[in-house]
Amino acid sequence: FCMKKFFVRSTLAVVALLIMAMPVALANSSSYSFTMDHRYVNGKDNGVTHGLSAGSLTNSGSLWAYDKAAGAVGPYSVTIAVVQDGIIDKTICTTSVTPSKTLNVKKSYSKSCGSVPTGVYYIEAWKTNDDGWDVKAQGTLTTR
């Protein structure tokens, strides 16, 4: 009886270790979203990265202002960068989008970023200054 219990526990432990040791699955597309209430957002700093397979990368999505402070100027253009995570992070491509002055009106964007290797990527977004406009974005990184 004790040997059977030992065998079952050992088997469960090995299975659990194998599941934990499995590599992160890579995808051909990965969705992201962010909220920028000041002037800078970094996916890596926020723990949001995207494992992508090799191919021709496209970053597409939409961005909109959802709130503005009294006395807001602009709105200023938002630069959205796709960055490859590594020992030295590498910006793959950027695109700039100026939100509509009408709240909650989405502006679409699409940027072809060229050929990329299999790897981990993240989104970084910024404005040159805090303009008083709060923006949100939703997008997708796709490799083909």
C-alpha atoms as a PDB file:
ATOM      1  CA  PHE A   1       0.000   0.000   0.000  1.00  0.00           C
ATOM      2  CA  CYS A   2       2.803   2.429   0.883  1.00  0.00           C
ATOM      3  CA  MET A   3       4.655   1.606  -2.324  1.00  0.00           C
ATOM      4  CA  LYS A   4       1.536   2.298  -4.418  1.00  0.00           C
ATOM      5  CA  LYS A   5       1.055   5.680  -2.687  1.00  0.00           C
ATOM      6  CA  PHE A   6       4.736   6.530  -3.297  1.00  0.00           C
ATOM      7  CA  PHE A   7       4.431   5.597  -6.989  1.00  0.00           C
ATOM      8  CA  VAL A   8       1.292   7.735  -7.477  1.00  0.00           C
ATOM      9  CA  ARG A   9       2.829  10.751  -5.718  1.00  0.00           C
ATOM     10  CA  SER A  10       6.090  10.406  -7.654  1.00  0.00           C
ATOM     11  CA  THR A  11       4.254  10.167 -10.966  1.00  0.00           C
ATOM     12  CA  LEU A  12       2.172  13.266 -10.159  1.00  0.00           C
ATOM     13  CA  ALA A  13       5.303  15.198  -9.174  1.00  0.00           C
ATOM     14  CA  VAL A  14       7.081  14.290 -12.442  1.00  0.00           C
ATOM     15  CA  VAL A  15       4.020  15.270 -14.528  1.00  0.00           C
ATOM     16  CA  ALA A  16       3.754  18.604 -12.678  1.00  0.00           C
ATOM     17  CA  LEU A  17       7.457  19.328 -13.291  1.00  0.00           C
ATOM     18  CA  LEU A  18       7.125  18.518 -16.996  1.00  0.00           C
ATOM     19  CA  ILE A  19       4.145  20.857 -17.346  1.00  0.00           C
ATOM     20  CA  MET A  20       6.037  23.696 -15.620  1.00  0.00           C
ATOM     21  CA  ALA A  21       9.123  23.097 -17.775  1.00  0.00           C
ATOM     22  CA  MET A  22       7.223  23.409 -21.073  1.00  0.00           C
ATOM     23  CA  PRO A  23       8.348  26.398 -23.140  1.00  0.00           C
ATOM     24  CA  VAL A  24       6.058  29.369 -23.649  1.00  0.00           C
ATOM     25  CA  ALA A  25       3.905  28.771 -26.718  1.00  0.00           C
ATOM     26  CA  LEU A  26       4.631  31.138 -29.588  1.00  0.00           C
ATOM     27  CA  ALA A  27       1.818  32.683 -31.556  1.00  0.00           C
ATOM     28  CA  ASN A  28       1.295  34.152 -35.001  1.00  0.00           C
ATOM     29  CA  SER A  29      -0.766  36.924 -33.414  1.00  0.00           C
ATOM     30  CA  SER A  30      -1.077  38.482 -30.012  1.00  0.00           C
ATOM     31  CA  SER A  31      -3.467  41.183 -28.815  1.00  0.00           C
ATOM     32  CA  TYR A  32      -2.608  44.121 -26.582  1.00  0.00           C
ATOM     33  CA  SER A  33      -4.289  47.106 -24.999  1.00  0.00           C
ATOM     34  CA  PHE A  34      -3.088  50.025 -22.929  1.00  0.00           C
ATOM     35  CA  THR A  35      -4.324  53.069 -21.081  1.00  0.00           C
ATOM     36  CA  MET A  36      -2.115  56.157 -21.034  1.00  0.00           C
ATOM     37  CA  ASP A  37      -3.170  58.715 -18.426  1.00  0.00           C
ATOM     38  CA  HIS A  38      -0.005  60.813 -18.679  1.00  0.00           C
ATOM     39  CA  ARG A  39       2.653  60.419 -21.348  1.00  0.00           C
ATOM     40  CA  TYR A  40       4.339  56.984 -21.218  1.00  0.00           C
ATOM     41  CA  VAL A  41       3.451  53.260 -21.173  1.00  0.00           C
ATOM     42  CA  ASN A  42       5.869  50.309 -21.291  1.00  0.00           C
ATOM     43  CA  GLY A  43       4.519  46.778 -21.691  1.00  0.00           C
ATOM     44  CA  LYS A  44       7.679  45.128 -20.376  1.00  0.00           C
ATOM     45  CA  ASP A  45       7.624  47.287 -17.215  1.00  0.00           C
ATOM     46  CA  ASN A  46       3.969  46.262 -16.764  1.00  0.00           C
ATOM     47  CA  GLY A  47       4.734  42.559 -17.299  1.00  0.00           C
ATOM     48  CA  VAL A  48       2.972  42.336 -20.681  1.00  0.00           C
ATOM     49  CA  THR A  49       5.053  40.697 -23.414  1.00  0.00           C
ATOM     50  CA  HIS A  50       4.169  38.773 -26.581  1.00  0.00           C
ATOM     51  CA  GLY A  51       5.850  35.581 -27.800  1.00  0.00           C
ATOM     52  CA  LEU A  52       5.718  35.647 -31.610  1.00  0.00           C
ATOM     53  CA  SER A  53       6.880  33.229 -34.277  1.00  0.00           C
ATOM     54  CA  ALA A  54       9.178  34.405 -37.074  1.00  0.00           C
ATOM     55  CA  GLY A  55       7.663  36.168 -40.074  1.00  0.00           C
ATOM     56  CA  SER A  56       6.610  39.503 -41.476  1.00  0.00           C
ATOM     57  CA  LEU A  57       5.307  41.553 -38.525  1.00  0.00           C
ATOM     58  CA  THR A  58       2.344  43.939 -38.651  1.00  0.00           C
ATOM     59  CA  ASN A  59       1.205  46.158 -35.778  1.00  0.00           C
ATOM     60  CA  SER A  60      -2.421  47.240 -36.225  1.00  0.00           C
ATOM     61  CA  GLY A  61      -5.114  48.620 -33.988  1.00  0.00           C
ATOM     62  CA  SER A  62      -6.958  51.732 -32.892  1.00  0.00           C
ATOM     63  CA  LEU A  63      -6.334  54.552 -30.453  1.00  0.00           C
ATOM     64  CA  TRP A  64      -8.765  57.024 -28.894  1.00  0.00           C
ATOM     65  CA  ALA A  65      -8.975  59.764 -26.279  1.00  0.00           C
ATOM     66  CA  TYR A  66     -11.401  58.844 -23.513  1.00  0.00           C
ATOM     67  CA  ASP A  67     -10.965  61.829 -21.159  1.00  0.00           C
ATOM     68  CA  LYS A  68      -9.387  65.254 -21.068  1.00  0.00           C
ATOM     69  CA  ALA A  69      -8.425  67.634 -18.307  1.00  0.00           C
ATOM     70  CA  ALA A  70      -9.576  71.236 -18.116  1.00  0.00           C
ATOM     71  CA  GLY A  71      -7.124  73.324 -20.131  1.00  0.00           C
ATOM     72  CA  ALA A  72      -5.888  70.339 -22.169  1.00  0.00           C
ATOM     73  CA  VAL A  73      -3.867  71.213 -25.287  1.00  0.00           C
ATOM     74  CA  GLY A  74      -3.546  69.227 -28.483  1.00  0.00           C
ATOM     75  CA  PRO A  75      -4.108  66.287 -28.426  1.00  0.00           C
ATOM     76  CA  TYR A  76      -0.505  65.390 -29.202  1.00  0.00           C
ATOM     77  CA  SER A  77       0.542  62.494 -31.366  1.00  0.00           C
ATOM     78  CA  VAL A  78       1.136  59.141 -29.628  1.00  0.00           C
ATOM     79  CA  THR A  79       4.094  57.069 -30.846  1.00  0.00           C
ATOM     80  CA  ILE A  80       3.575  53.304 -30.572  1.00  0.00           C
ATOM     81  CA  ALA A  81       6.718  51.168 -30.800  1.00  0.00           C
ATOM     82  CA  VAL A  82       7.177  47.412 -31.115  1.00  0.00           C
ATOM     83  CA  VAL A  83      10.289  46.432 -29.151  1.00  0.00           C
ATOM     84  CA  GLN A  84      12.122  43.100 -29.241  1.00  0.00           C
ATOM     85  CA  ASP A  85      12.990  41.955 -25.712  1.00  0.00           C
ATOM     86  CA  GLY A  86      16.595  40.898 -25.274  1.00  0.00           C
ATOM     87  CA  ILE A  87      19.857  41.572 -23.457  1.00  0.00           C
ATOM     88  CA  ILE A  88      19.717  44.894 -25.284  1.00  0.00           C
ATOM     89  CA  ASP A  89      16.121  45.669 -26.277  1.00  0.00           C
ATOM     90  CA  LYS A  90      15.697  46.631 -29.939  1.00  0.00           C
ATOM     91  CA  THR A  91      12.987  48.869 -31.381  1.00  0.00           C
ATOM     92  CA  ILE A  92      11.616  47.066 -34.447  1.00  0.00           C
ATOM     93  CA  CYS A  93       9.264  49.782 -35.734  1.00  0.00           C
ATOM     94  CA  THR A  94       7.200  52.778 -34.667  1.00  0.00           C
ATOM     95  CA  THR A  95       4.000  54.407 -35.829  1.00  0.00           C
ATOM     96  CA  SER A  96       2.438  57.690 -34.731  1.00  0.00           C
ATOM     97  CA  VAL A  97      -1.276  58.311 -34.243  1.00  0.00           C
ATOM     98  CA  THR A  98      -2.993  61.567 -33.291  1.00  0.00           C
ATOM     99  CA  PRO A  99      -6.226  60.915 -31.400  1.00  0.00           C
ATOM    100  CA  SER A 100      -9.435  62.622 -32.480  1.00  0.00           C
ATOM    101  CA  LYS A 101     -10.399  65.730 -30.505  1.00  0.00           C
ATOM    102  CA  THR A 102     -13.793  64.065 -30.041  1.00  0.00           C
ATOM    103  CA  LEU A 103     -13.756  61.721 -27.064  1.00  0.00           C
ATOM    104  CA  ASN A 104     -14.141  57.979 -27.777  1.00  0.00           C
ATOM    105  CA  VAL A 105     -13.708  58.311 -31.550  1.00  0.00           C
ATOM    106  CA  LYS A 106     -11.241  55.616 -32.605  1.00  0.00           C
ATOM    107  CA  LYS A 107      -8.362  56.293 -35.018  1.00  0.00           C
ATOM    108  CA  SER A 108      -7.084  53.166 -36.797  1.00  0.00           C
ATOM    109  CA  TYR A 109      -3.430  52.431 -37.512  1.00  0.00           C
ATOM    110  CA  SER A 110      -1.476  49.707 -39.267  1.00  0.00           C
ATOM    111  CA  LYS A 111       2.289  49.464 -39.644  1.00  0.00           C
ATOM    112  CA  SER A 112       4.308  46.833 -41.502  1.00  0.00           C
ATOM    113  CA  CYS A 113       7.437  46.210 -39.453  1.00  0.00           C
ATOM    114  CA  GLY A 114       9.327  43.900 -41.809  1.00  0.00           C
ATOM    115  CA  SER A 115      10.704  40.446 -41.117  1.00  0.00           C
ATOM    116  CA  VAL A 116      11.336  39.479 -37.478  1.00  0.00           C
ATOM    117  CA  PRO A 117      12.801  36.393 -35.802  1.00  0.00           C
ATOM    118  CA  THR A 118      10.949  34.205 -33.320  1.00  0.00           C
ATOM    119  CA  GLY A 119      11.100  35.989 -29.985  1.00  0.00           C
ATOM    120  CA  VAL A 120       9.497  38.023 -27.255  1.00  0.00           C
ATOM    121  CA  TYR A 121       8.200  41.502 -28.040  1.00  0.00           C
ATOM    122  CA  TYR A 122       6.430  44.298 -26.176  1.00  0.00           C
ATOM    123  CA  ILE A 123       4.683  47.609 -26.823  1.00  0.00           C
ATOM    124  CA  GLU A 124       6.066  50.959 -25.713  1.00  0.00           C
ATOM    125  CA  ALA A 125       4.024  54.139 -26.244  1.00  0.00           C
ATOM    126  CA  TRP A 126       4.664  57.804 -25.503  1.00  0.00           C
ATOM    127  CA  LYS A 127       3.783  61.448 -26.136  1.00  0.00           C
ATOM    128  CA  THR A 128       6.386  64.229 -26.194  1.00  0.00           C
ATOM    129  CA  ASN A 129       4.568  65.984 -23.318  1.00  0.00           C
ATOM    130  CA  ASP A 130       1.562  65.376 -21.095  1.00  0.00           C
ATOM    131  CA  ASP A 131      -1.145  67.238 -23.021  1.00  0.00           C
ATOM    132  CA  GLY A 132      -4.023  66.617 -20.598  1.00  0.00           C
ATOM    133  CA  TRP A 133      -5.651  63.988 -22.861  1.00  0.00           C
ATOM    134  CA  ASP A 134      -6.011  60.407 -21.564  1.00  0.00           C
ATOM    135  CA  VAL A 135      -5.882  57.783 -24.302  1.00  0.00           C
ATOM    136  CA  LYS A 136      -6.525  54.067 -24.739  1.00  0.00           C
ATOM    137  CA  ALA A 137      -5.447  51.696 -27.489  1.00  0.00           C
ATOM    138  CA  GLN A 138      -6.193  48.149 -28.587  1.00  0.00           C
ATOM    139  CA  GLY A 139      -4.089  46.372 -31.142  1.00  0.00           C
ATOM    140  CA  THR A 140      -2.686  43.152 -32.515  1.00  0.00           C
ATOM    141  CA  LEU A 141       0.823  42.054 -33.390  1.00  0.00           C
ATOM    142  CA  THR A 142       0.672  39.575 -36.281  1.00  0.00           C
ATOM    143  CA  THR A 143       3.399  37.588 -38.051  1.00  0.00           C
ATOM    144  CA  ARG A 144       2.802  35.847 -41.388  1.00  0.00           C
END
